C-alpha atoms as a PDB file:
ATOM      1  CA  UNK A   1     153.954  82.153  76.570  1.00  0.00           C
ATOM      2  CA  UNK A   2     156.210  80.768  79.350  1.00  0.00           C
ATOM      3  CA  UNK A   3     153.958  79.263  82.025  1.00  0.00           C
ATOM      4  CA  UNK A   4     156.095  81.069  84.760  1.00  0.00           C
ATOM      5  CA  UNK A   5     155.978  84.414  83.349  1.00  0.00           C
ATOM      6  CA  UNK A   6     153.838  86.285  85.834  1.00  0.00           C
ATOM      7  CA  UNK A   7     150.689  87.747  84.953  1.00  0.00           C
ATOM      8  CA  UNK A   8     149.043  91.171  85.967  1.00  0.00           C
ATOM      9  CA  UNK A   9     145.569  90.673  87.456  1.00  0.00           C
ATOM     10  CA  UNK A  10     142.516  92.776  85.889  1.00  0.00           C
ATOM     11  CA  UNK A  11     141.451  95.643  88.432  1.00  0.00           C
ATOM     12  CA  UNK A  12     137.921  96.069  88.559  1.00  0.00           C
ATOM     13  CA  UNK A  13     136.565  99.812  87.554  1.00  0.00           C
ATOM     14  CA  UNK A  14     135.032 101.275  90.694  1.00  0.00           C
ATOM     15  CA  UNK A  15     131.416 101.381  90.917  1.00  0.00           C
ATOM     16  CA  UNK A  16     131.405 105.387  90.091  1.00  0.00           C
ATOM     17  CA  UNK A  17     133.709 105.032  86.906  1.00  0.00           C
ATOM     18  CA  UNK A  18     131.552 102.452  85.933  1.00  0.00           C
ATOM     19  CA  UNK A  19     128.618 104.494  86.071  1.00  0.00           C
ATOM     20  CA  UNK A  20     130.109 106.925  84.285  1.00  0.00           C
ATOM     21  CA  UNK A  21     131.283 104.814  81.742  1.00  0.00           C
ATOM     22  CA  UNK A  22     127.763 103.663  80.977  1.00  0.00           C
ATOM     23  CA  UNK A  23     126.417 107.381  81.156  1.00  0.00           C
ATOM     24  CA  UNK A  24     128.973 108.189  78.425  1.00  0.00           C
ATOM     25  CA  UNK A  25     128.300 105.518  76.082  1.00  0.00           C
ATOM     26  CA  UNK A  26     124.585 106.257  76.235  1.00  0.00           C
ATOM     27  CA  UNK A  27     125.173 109.821  75.860  1.00  0.00           C
ATOM     28  CA  UNK A  28     127.584 109.135  72.464  1.00  0.00           C
ATOM     29  CA  UNK A  29     124.869 106.693  71.175  1.00  0.00           C
ATOM     30  CA  UNK A  30     122.029 109.400  71.445  1.00  0.00           C
ATOM     31  CA  UNK A  31     124.309 112.192  69.964  1.00  0.00           C
ATOM     32  CA  UNK A  32     124.785 109.535  67.077  1.00  0.00           C
ATOM     33  CA  UNK A  33     121.477 108.801  66.559  1.00  0.00           C
ATOM     34  CA  UNK A  34     120.388 112.468  66.200  1.00  0.00           C
ATOM     35  CA  UNK A  35     122.987 113.120  63.730  1.00  0.00           C
ATOM     36  CA  UNK A  36     121.875 109.996  61.809  1.00  0.00           C
ATOM     37  CA  UNK A  37     118.560 111.726  61.822  1.00  0.00           C
ATOM     38  CA  UNK A  38     119.793 114.938  60.747  1.00  0.00           C
ATOM     39  CA  UNK A  39     121.889 113.445  58.063  1.00  0.00           C
ATOM     40  CA  UNK A  40     118.871 111.584  56.480  1.00  0.00           C
ATOM     41  CA  UNK A  41     116.281 114.699  56.643  1.00  0.00           C
ATOM     42  CA  UNK A  42     119.305 116.699  54.564  1.00  0.00           C
ATOM     43  CA  UNK A  43     120.269 113.713  52.552  1.00  0.00           C
ATOM     44  CA  UNK A  44     124.113 114.385  53.359  1.00  0.00           C
ATOM     45  CA  UNK A  45     126.339 113.117  55.733  1.00  0.00           C
ATOM     46  CA  UNK A  46     128.730 115.799  57.622  1.00  0.00           C
ATOM     47  CA  UNK A  47     131.075 117.709  54.857  1.00  0.00           C
ATOM     48  CA  UNK A  48     129.479 115.424  52.338  1.00  0.00           C
ATOM     49  CA  UNK A  49     128.703 117.291  48.516  1.00  0.00           C
ATOM     50  CA  UNK A  50     125.562 116.055  47.191  1.00  0.00           C
ATOM     51  CA  UNK A  51     122.929 117.551  44.404  1.00  0.00           C
ATOM     52  CA  UNK A  52     120.232 116.074  46.304  1.00  0.00           C
ATOM     53  CA  UNK A  53     121.139 117.931  49.567  1.00  0.00           C
ATOM     54  CA  UNK A  54     117.716 119.198  51.210  1.00  0.00           C
ATOM     55  CA  UNK A  55     119.549 121.731  53.691  1.00  0.00           C
ATOM     56  CA  UNK A  56     122.573 122.668  55.702  1.00  0.00           C
ATOM     57  CA  UNK A  57     123.845 122.235  59.156  1.00  0.00           C
ATOM     58  CA  UNK A  58     123.932 125.125  61.422  1.00  0.00           C
ATOM     59  CA  UNK A  59     125.693 124.452  64.431  1.00  0.00           C
ATOM     60  CA  UNK A  60     124.807 122.898  67.606  1.00  0.00           C
ATOM     61  CA  UNK A  61     123.289 123.513  71.209  1.00  0.00           C
ATOM     62  CA  UNK A  62     123.496 121.569  74.558  1.00  0.00           C
ATOM     63  CA  UNK A  63     120.401 119.988  76.305  1.00  0.00           C
ATOM     64  CA  UNK A  64     120.075 118.122  79.358  1.00  0.00           C
ATOM     65  CA  UNK A  65     117.779 114.922  79.280  1.00  0.00           C
ATOM     66  CA  UNK A  66     117.275 113.041  82.512  1.00  0.00           C
ATOM     67  CA  UNK A  67     117.474 109.154  81.214  1.00  0.00           C
ATOM     68  CA  UNK A  68     117.138 106.095  83.256  1.00  0.00           C
ATOM     69  CA  UNK A  69     121.095 106.418  83.949  1.00  0.00           C
ATOM     70  CA  UNK A  70     120.728 110.055  85.135  1.00  0.00           C
ATOM     71  CA  UNK A  71     120.783 113.320  83.652  1.00  0.00           C
ATOM     72  CA  UNK A  72     122.680 114.012  80.202  1.00  0.00           C
ATOM     73  CA  UNK A  73     124.037 117.058  78.706  1.00  0.00           C
ATOM     74  CA  UNK A  74     123.651 116.060  74.899  1.00  0.00           C
ATOM     75  CA  UNK A  75     125.217 117.698  71.922  1.00  0.00           C
ATOM     76  CA  UNK A  76     122.253 118.074  69.792  1.00  0.00           C
ATOM     77  CA  UNK A  77     122.885 118.962  65.838  1.00  0.00           C
ATOM     78  CA  UNK A  78     120.971 121.811  64.339  1.00  0.00           C
ATOM     79  CA  UNK A  79     119.659 121.856  60.642  1.00  0.00           C
ATOM     80  CA  UNK A  80     118.056 123.908  58.160  1.00  0.00           C
ATOM     81  CA  UNK A  81     115.734 122.628  55.516  1.00  0.00           C
ATOM     82  CA  UNK A  82     115.111 123.680  52.154  1.00  0.00           C
ATOM     83  CA  UNK A  83     111.291 124.638  51.512  1.00  0.00           C
ATOM     84  CA  UNK A  84     109.249 124.671  48.370  1.00  0.00           C
ATOM     85  CA  UNK A  85     109.212 128.193  48.348  1.00  0.00           C
ATOM     86  CA  UNK A  86     112.736 128.879  48.483  1.00  0.00           C
ATOM     87  CA  UNK A  87     112.872 129.499  52.373  1.00  0.00           C
ATOM     88  CA  UNK A  88     114.702 127.527  55.015  1.00  0.00           C
ATOM     89  CA  UNK A  89     112.747 126.280  58.074  1.00  0.00           C
ATOM     90  CA  UNK A  90     114.804 124.590  61.056  1.00  0.00           C
ATOM     91  CA  UNK A  91     115.090 121.157  61.520  1.00  0.00           C
ATOM     92  CA  UNK A  92     112.820 119.487  64.374  1.00  0.00           C
ATOM     93  CA  UNK A  93     114.165 115.922  66.035  1.00  0.00           C
ATOM     94  CA  UNK A  94     111.452 113.472  66.000  1.00  0.00           C
ATOM     95  CA  UNK A  95     113.906 111.263  68.364  1.00  0.00           C
ATOM     96  CA  UNK A  96     114.064 114.076  70.546  1.00  0.00           C
ATOM     97  CA  UNK A  97     111.386 116.597  70.545  1.00  0.00           C
ATOM     98  CA  UNK A  98     112.207 120.218  70.928  1.00  0.00           C
ATOM     99  CA  UNK A  99     110.549 120.267  74.801  1.00  0.00           C
ATOM    100  CA  UNK A 100     111.180 116.902  75.967  1.00  0.00           C
ATOM    101  CA  UNK A 101     113.284 116.732  79.579  1.00  0.00           C
ATOM    102  CA  UNK A 102     113.026 113.098  80.162  1.00  0.00           C
ATOM    103  CA  UNK A 103     112.733 109.813  78.413  1.00  0.00           C
ATOM    104  CA  UNK A 104     109.274 107.932  78.460  1.00  0.00           C
ATOM    105  CA  UNK A 105     110.626 105.326  80.990  1.00  0.00           C
ATOM    106  CA  UNK A 106     111.475 108.055  83.470  1.00  0.00           C
ATOM    107  CA  UNK A 107     108.285 109.442  83.139  1.00  0.00           C
ATOM    108  CA  UNK A 108     106.305 106.230  83.477  1.00  0.00           C
ATOM    109  CA  UNK A 109     108.670 105.501  86.763  1.00  0.00           C
ATOM    110  CA  UNK A 110     107.628 108.754  88.015  1.00  0.00           C
ATOM    111  CA  UNK A 111     103.796 108.218  87.452  1.00  0.00           C
ATOM    112  CA  UNK A 112     104.412 104.794  88.729  1.00  0.00           C
ATOM    113  CA  UNK A 113     105.147 106.422  92.058  1.00  0.00           C
ATOM    114  CA  UNK A 114     102.600 108.948  92.303  1.00  0.00           C
ATOM    115  CA  UNK A 115      99.534 106.274  91.280  1.00  0.00           C
ATOM    116  CA  UNK A 116     101.390 103.966  93.983  1.00  0.00           C
ATOM    117  CA  UNK A 117     100.331 106.920  96.494  1.00  0.00           C
ATOM    118  CA  UNK A 118     103.555 108.899  96.912  1.00  0.00           C
ATOM    119  CA  UNK A 119     103.571 112.592  97.213  1.00  0.00           C
ATOM    120  CA  UNK A 120     105.790 114.890  95.309  1.00  0.00           C
ATOM    121  CA  UNK A 121     108.323 115.121  97.944  1.00  0.00           C
ATOM    122  CA  UNK A 122     108.596 111.518  98.344  1.00  0.00           C
ATOM    123  CA  UNK A 123     109.044 110.955  94.883  1.00  0.00           C
ATOM    124  CA  UNK A 124     111.994 113.384  94.451  1.00  0.00           C
ATOM    125  CA  UNK A 125     113.675 111.701  97.595  1.00  0.00           C
ATOM    126  CA  UNK A 126     113.110 108.037  96.111  1.00  0.00           C
ATOM    127  CA  UNK A 127     114.511 108.907  92.395  1.00  0.00           C
ATOM    128  CA  UNK A 128     116.807 111.503  93.395  1.00  0.00           C
ATOM    129  CA  UNK A 129     120.021 109.380  93.571  1.00  0.00           C
ATOM    130  CA  UNK A 130     119.387 107.999  89.979  1.00  0.00           C
ATOM    131  CA  UNK A 131     117.698 111.132  88.313  1.00  0.00           C
ATOM    132  CA  UNK A 132     119.249 113.882  90.153  1.00  0.00           C
ATOM    133  CA  UNK A 133     117.007 116.815  91.676  1.00  0.00           C
ATOM    134  CA  UNK A 134     116.972 119.383  88.767  1.00  0.00           C
ATOM    135  CA  UNK A 135     114.437 117.311  86.404  1.00  0.00           C
ATOM    136  CA  UNK A 136     112.420 116.189  89.495  1.00  0.00           C
ATOM    137  CA  UNK A 137     111.249 119.544  90.727  1.00  0.00           C
ATOM    138  CA  UNK A 138     107.665 119.828  92.375  1.00  0.00           C
ATOM    139  CA  UNK A 139     106.474 121.682  89.438  1.00  0.00           C
ATOM    140  CA  UNK A 140     107.740 119.085  87.012  1.00  0.00           C
ATOM    141  CA  UNK A 141     106.051 116.373  88.696  1.00  0.00           C
ATOM    142  CA  UNK A 142     102.974 118.413  88.933  1.00  0.00           C
ATOM    143  CA  UNK A 143     102.992 118.941  85.256  1.00  0.00           C
ATOM    144  CA  UNK A 144     103.714 115.261  84.611  1.00  0.00           C
ATOM    145  CA  UNK A 145     100.623 114.435  86.897  1.00  0.00           C
ATOM    146  CA  UNK A 146      98.296 116.946  85.007  1.00  0.00           C
ATOM    147  CA  UNK A 147      99.415 115.354  81.856  1.00  0.00           C
ATOM    148  CA  UNK A 148      98.120 112.098  82.985  1.00  0.00           C
ATOM    149  CA  UNK A 149      95.130 113.661  84.265  1.00  0.00           C
ATOM    150  CA  UNK A 150      94.372 115.458  81.048  1.00  0.00           C
ATOM    151  CA  UNK A 151      94.907 112.546  79.144  1.00  0.00           C
ATOM    152  CA  UNK A 152      92.482 110.170  81.313  1.00  0.00           C
ATOM    153  CA  UNK A 153      89.760 113.159  80.793  1.00  0.00           C
ATOM    154  CA  UNK A 154      90.195 112.657  76.951  1.00  0.00           C
ATOM    155  CA  UNK A 155      89.958 108.930  77.525  1.00  0.00           C
ATOM    156  CA  UNK A 156      86.661 108.923  79.593  1.00  0.00           C
ATOM    157  CA  UNK A 157      85.393 111.365  77.332  1.00  0.00           C
ATOM    158  CA  UNK A 158      85.711 109.507  74.156  1.00  0.00           C
ATOM    159  CA  UNK A 159      83.208 108.944  71.398  1.00  0.00           C
ATOM    160  CA  UNK A 160      81.947 105.100  72.222  1.00  0.00           C
ATOM    161  CA  UNK A 161      79.762 104.574  69.264  1.00  0.00           C
ATOM    162  CA  UNK A 162      82.876 102.613  67.398  1.00  0.00           C
ATOM    163  CA  UNK A 163      82.662  99.943  70.540  1.00  0.00           C
ATOM    164  CA  UNK A 164      80.421  97.362  70.098  1.00  0.00           C
ATOM    165  CA  UNK A 165      80.103  95.468  73.091  1.00  0.00           C
ATOM    166  CA  UNK A 166      77.998  92.485  73.474  1.00  0.00           C
ATOM    167  CA  UNK A 167      78.393  91.755  76.864  1.00  0.00           C
ATOM    168  CA  UNK A 168      79.497  94.506  79.942  1.00  0.00           C
ATOM    169  CA  UNK A 169      81.003  93.288  83.222  1.00  0.00           C
ATOM    170  CA  UNK A 170      80.297  95.984  85.535  1.00  0.00           C
ATOM    171  CA  UNK A 171      81.953  95.716  89.105  1.00  0.00           C
ATOM    172  CA  UNK A 172      83.755  97.983  91.973  1.00  0.00           C
ATOM    173  CA  UNK A 173      86.913  97.433  93.254  1.00  0.00           C
ATOM    174  CA  UNK A 174      88.561  99.150  96.382  1.00  0.00           C
ATOM    175  CA  UNK A 175      91.695 100.962  95.620  1.00  0.00           C
ATOM    176  CA  UNK A 176      93.859 102.986  98.216  1.00  0.00           C
ATOM    177  CA  UNK A 177      93.276 106.678  96.742  1.00  0.00           C
ATOM    178  CA  UNK A 178      95.060 109.983  97.846  1.00  0.00           C
ATOM    179  CA  UNK A 179      92.324 112.069  99.161  1.00  0.00           C
ATOM    180  CA  UNK A 180      92.906 115.527 101.002  1.00  0.00           C
ATOM    181  CA  UNK A 181      96.285 114.296 101.874  1.00  0.00           C
ATOM    182  CA  UNK A 182      95.385 111.043 103.309  1.00  0.00           C
ATOM    183  CA  UNK A 183      95.349 107.552 101.676  1.00  0.00           C
ATOM    184  CA  UNK A 184      91.867 105.928 101.903  1.00  0.00           C
ATOM    185  CA  UNK A 185      90.256 102.968 100.254  1.00  0.00           C
ATOM    186  CA  UNK A 186      87.066 104.126  97.769  1.00  0.00           C
ATOM    187  CA  UNK A 187      85.356 102.057  95.234  1.00  0.00           C
ATOM    188  CA  UNK A 188      86.637 102.391  91.928  1.00  0.00           C
ATOM    189  CA  UNK A 189      83.856 101.521  89.359  1.00  0.00           C
ATOM    190  CA  UNK A 190      85.238  99.163  86.248  1.00  0.00           C
ATOM    191  CA  UNK A 191      83.293  98.831  83.331  1.00  0.00           C
ATOM    192  CA  UNK A 192      84.856  95.921  80.837  1.00  0.00           C
ATOM    193  CA  UNK A 193      83.596  95.018  77.531  1.00  0.00           C
ATOM    194  CA  UNK A 194      83.473  91.746  75.363  1.00  0.00           C
ATOM    195  CA  UNK A 195      83.470  92.390  71.719  1.00  0.00           C
ATOM    196  CA  UNK A 196      81.954  90.230  69.045  1.00  0.00           C
ATOM    197  CA  UNK A 197      85.430  88.882  68.653  1.00  0.00           C
ATOM    198  CA  UNK A 198      85.379  87.742  72.248  1.00  0.00           C
ATOM    199  CA  UNK A 199      88.245  90.419  72.977  1.00  0.00           C
ATOM    200  CA  UNK A 200      87.864  92.248  75.910  1.00  0.00           C
ATOM    201  CA  UNK A 201      88.192  95.732  76.108  1.00  0.00           C
ATOM    202  CA  UNK A 202      88.722  98.591  79.008  1.00  0.00           C
ATOM    203  CA  UNK A 203      85.354 100.587  78.623  1.00  0.00           C
ATOM    204  CA  UNK A 204      85.148 102.879  81.842  1.00  0.00           C
ATOM    205  CA  UNK A 205      86.571 103.916  85.375  1.00  0.00           C
ATOM    206  CA  UNK A 206      85.574 106.152  87.913  1.00  0.00           C
ATOM    207  CA  UNK A 207      85.986 107.076  91.325  1.00  0.00           C
ATOM    208  CA  UNK A 208      83.265 107.518  93.610  1.00  0.00           C
ATOM    209  CA  UNK A 209      81.919 107.818  96.873  1.00  0.00           C
ATOM    210  CA  UNK A 210      79.741 104.639  96.903  1.00  0.00           C
ATOM    211  CA  UNK A 211      78.043 101.909  94.874  1.00  0.00           C
ATOM    212  CA  UNK A 212      74.610 103.738  95.100  1.00  0.00           C
ATOM    213  CA  UNK A 213      72.299 103.640  92.431  1.00  0.00           C
ATOM    214  CA  UNK A 214      72.881 107.449  91.524  1.00  0.00           C
ATOM    215  CA  UNK A 215      76.655 106.801  91.237  1.00  0.00           C
ATOM    216  CA  UNK A 216      76.254 103.772  89.015  1.00  0.00           C
ATOM    217  CA  UNK A 217      73.200 105.559  86.813  1.00  0.00           C
ATOM    218  CA  UNK A 218      75.740 108.701  86.125  1.00  0.00           C
ATOM    219  CA  UNK A 219      78.517 106.268  84.963  1.00  0.00           C
ATOM    220  CA  UNK A 220      75.836 104.270  82.734  1.00  0.00           C
ATOM    221  CA  UNK A 221      74.373 107.218  81.460  1.00  0.00           C
ATOM    222  CA  UNK A 222      77.848 108.987  80.538  1.00  0.00           C
ATOM    223  CA  UNK A 223      78.566 105.521  78.431  1.00  0.00           C
ATOM    224  CA  UNK A 224      75.189 105.851  76.674  1.00  0.00           C
ATOM    225  CA  UNK A 225      75.703 109.445  76.310  1.00  0.00           C
ATOM    226  CA  UNK A 226      78.937 108.727  74.667  1.00  0.00           C
ATOM    227  CA  UNK A 227      77.480 106.321  71.935  1.00  0.00           C
ATOM    228  CA  UNK A 228      77.835 102.969  73.642  1.00  0.00           C
ATOM    229  CA  UNK A 229      75.135 100.779  72.721  1.00  0.00           C
ATOM    230  CA  UNK A 230      73.055  99.091  75.121  1.00  0.00           C
ATOM    231  CA  UNK A 231      74.603  95.180  75.490  1.00  0.00           C
ATOM    232  CA  UNK A 232      73.135  92.239  75.349  1.00  0.00           C
ATOM    233  CA  UNK A 233      73.905  91.036  78.509  1.00  0.00           C
ATOM    234  CA  UNK A 234      75.288  92.948  81.665  1.00  0.00           C
ATOM    235  CA  UNK A 235      77.246  90.984  84.290  1.00  0.00           C
ATOM    236  CA  UNK A 236      77.066  92.254  87.710  1.00  0.00           C
ATOM    237  CA  UNK A 237      77.848  91.192  91.250  1.00  0.00           C
ATOM    238  CA  UNK A 238      74.414  91.432  92.612  1.00  0.00           C
ATOM    239  CA  UNK A 239      74.674  94.992  93.718  1.00  0.00           C
ATOM    240  CA  UNK A 240      70.994  96.121  93.799  1.00  0.00           C
ATOM    241  CA  UNK A 241      71.885 100.033  92.975  1.00  0.00           C
ATOM    242  CA  UNK A 242      73.590  99.161  90.006  1.00  0.00           C
ATOM    243  CA  UNK A 243      70.804  96.465  88.693  1.00  0.00           C
ATOM    244  CA  UNK A 244      68.486  99.398  88.991  1.00  0.00           C
ATOM    245  CA  UNK A 245      70.651 101.612  87.128  1.00  0.00           C
ATOM    246  CA  UNK A 246      71.039  99.331  84.238  1.00  0.00           C
ATOM    247  CA  UNK A 247      67.072  99.068  84.068  1.00  0.00           C
ATOM    248  CA  UNK A 248      66.417 102.823  84.211  1.00  0.00           C
ATOM    249  CA  UNK A 249      69.043 103.509  81.379  1.00  0.00           C
ATOM    250  CA  UNK A 250      69.194 100.099  79.245  1.00  0.00           C
ATOM    251  CA  UNK A 251      65.848  98.627  80.098  1.00  0.00           C
ATOM    252  CA  UNK A 252      66.131  96.222  77.110  1.00  0.00           C
ATOM    253  CA  UNK A 253      69.472  94.814  78.287  1.00  0.00           C
ATOM    254  CA  UNK A 254      69.612  91.389  79.966  1.00  0.00           C
ATOM    255  CA  UNK A 255      71.075  91.476  83.629  1.00  0.00           C
ATOM    256  CA  UNK A 256      73.100  88.128  85.391  1.00  0.00           C
ATOM    257  CA  UNK A 257      74.623  87.478  88.479  1.00  0.00           C
ATOM    258  CA  UNK A 258      78.163  86.992  88.024  1.00  0.00           C
ATOM    259  CA  UNK A 259      78.983  83.362  88.494  1.00  0.00           C
ATOM    260  CA  UNK A 260      82.166  83.920  90.682  1.00  0.00           C
ATOM    261  CA  UNK A 261      80.422  85.905  93.286  1.00  0.00           C
ATOM    262  CA  UNK A 262      77.492  84.027  93.713  1.00  0.00           C
ATOM    263  CA  UNK A 263      79.504  80.958  94.061  1.00  0.00           C
ATOM    264  CA  UNK A 264      81.326  83.028  97.078  1.00  0.00           C
ATOM    265  CA  UNK A 265      78.079  83.218  98.627  1.00  0.00           C
ATOM    266  CA  UNK A 266      77.372  79.993  98.387  1.00  0.00           C
ATOM    267  CA  UNK A 267      80.373  78.744 100.059  1.00  0.00           C
ATOM    268  CA  UNK A 268      80.159  81.196 102.790  1.00  0.00           C
ATOM    269  CA  UNK A 269      76.613  79.494 103.440  1.00  0.00           C
ATOM    270  CA  UNK A 270      77.872  76.002 103.539  1.00  0.00           C
ATOM    271  CA  UNK A 271      79.819  74.168 105.887  1.00  0.00           C
ATOM    272  CA  UNK A 272      83.553  73.617 105.368  1.00  0.00           C
ATOM    273  CA  UNK A 273      83.247  69.551 104.651  1.00  0.00           C
ATOM    274  CA  UNK A 274      80.769  70.266 102.032  1.00  0.00           C
ATOM    275  CA  UNK A 275      82.670  73.331 100.286  1.00  0.00           C
ATOM    276  CA  UNK A 276      84.641  70.769  97.698  1.00  0.00           C
ATOM    277  CA  UNK A 277      81.315  68.982  96.436  1.00  0.00           C
ATOM    278  CA  UNK A 278      79.692  72.345  96.361  1.00  0.00           C
ATOM    279  CA  UNK A 279      82.156  73.794  94.049  1.00  0.00           C
ATOM    280  CA  UNK A 280      82.339  70.598  92.011  1.00  0.00           C
ATOM    281  CA  UNK A 281      78.645  70.910  91.460  1.00  0.00           C
ATOM    282  CA  UNK A 282      78.446  74.256  90.847  1.00  0.00           C
ATOM    283  CA  UNK A 283      81.042  74.200  88.286  1.00  0.00           C
ATOM    284  CA  UNK A 284      79.348  71.468  86.264  1.00  0.00           C
ATOM    285  CA  UNK A 285      75.966  73.427  86.481  1.00  0.00           C
ATOM    286  CA  UNK A 286      77.218  76.407  85.002  1.00  0.00           C
ATOM    287  CA  UNK A 287      79.184  74.534  82.305  1.00  0.00           C
ATOM    288  CA  UNK A 288      76.438  72.924  81.354  1.00  0.00           C
ATOM    289  CA  UNK A 289      75.309  73.315  77.314  1.00  0.00           C
ATOM    290  CA  UNK A 290      72.005  73.847  77.733  1.00  0.00           C
ATOM    291  CA  UNK A 291      69.229  74.685  80.757  1.00  0.00           C
ATOM    292  CA  UNK A 292      68.249  70.817  80.795  1.00  0.00           C
ATOM    293  CA  UNK A 293      71.449  69.396  81.352  1.00  0.00           C
ATOM    294  CA  UNK A 294      72.105  72.064  84.351  1.00  0.00           C
END
């Protein structure tokens, strides 16, 4: 090409056109995945004749799915599968279940806003420019949150007999919680177990009004009633109510003061110029191999 030949500069796509292009490509990709899934279930591609065909296509329907790129109107293929009894049953997509209206990442974003303290109105306002308003109605968010609560209660009530923990860490952390249309800081009781392999596992989460003996006793009794064996050692922050609750429910378990909390108490009583030396000596004591070395 002659160097003197004028060239036409590439014009950038407007932001709106680029967004629509991405949305269109995403829609095409999802629709192709659904077509491939149906072809695999039928054992035949569209208009393909084969003796091993397991059913037939039955048109298509339009469904709305809210993705990370906004709402998408998808063409979802339909099919009928041959059954052993000679009847035909309707094909159900596993990639896009029948009543799914949002992708998993969209649901996680909504729940993340809710768990951060935002109410339904603020969630809709924050995500409406991206996801639209039809899939973010107040009832839709409420159903999603209720599903989360149901899963959480099922997790809390699970069978713990198959969760042998040699050690348990029990402590409470103050977190902001929406209560009666206000965000207040309340203690969340946390129980973390250490398995024989050394792996840590979250055992329990509970919201309590205080860290009293009764509050901790309710947690420990629920864990014991769920089949959790008494640990060989329970590590606590020194809370007297928690210590009494452990002695009443699991009297055979030994109780140890958390070394981190103990160090914080010591540093609070020591002058600033001695804290570095205190920290060094303390780490040497708790890291000793035996009592004599300590």
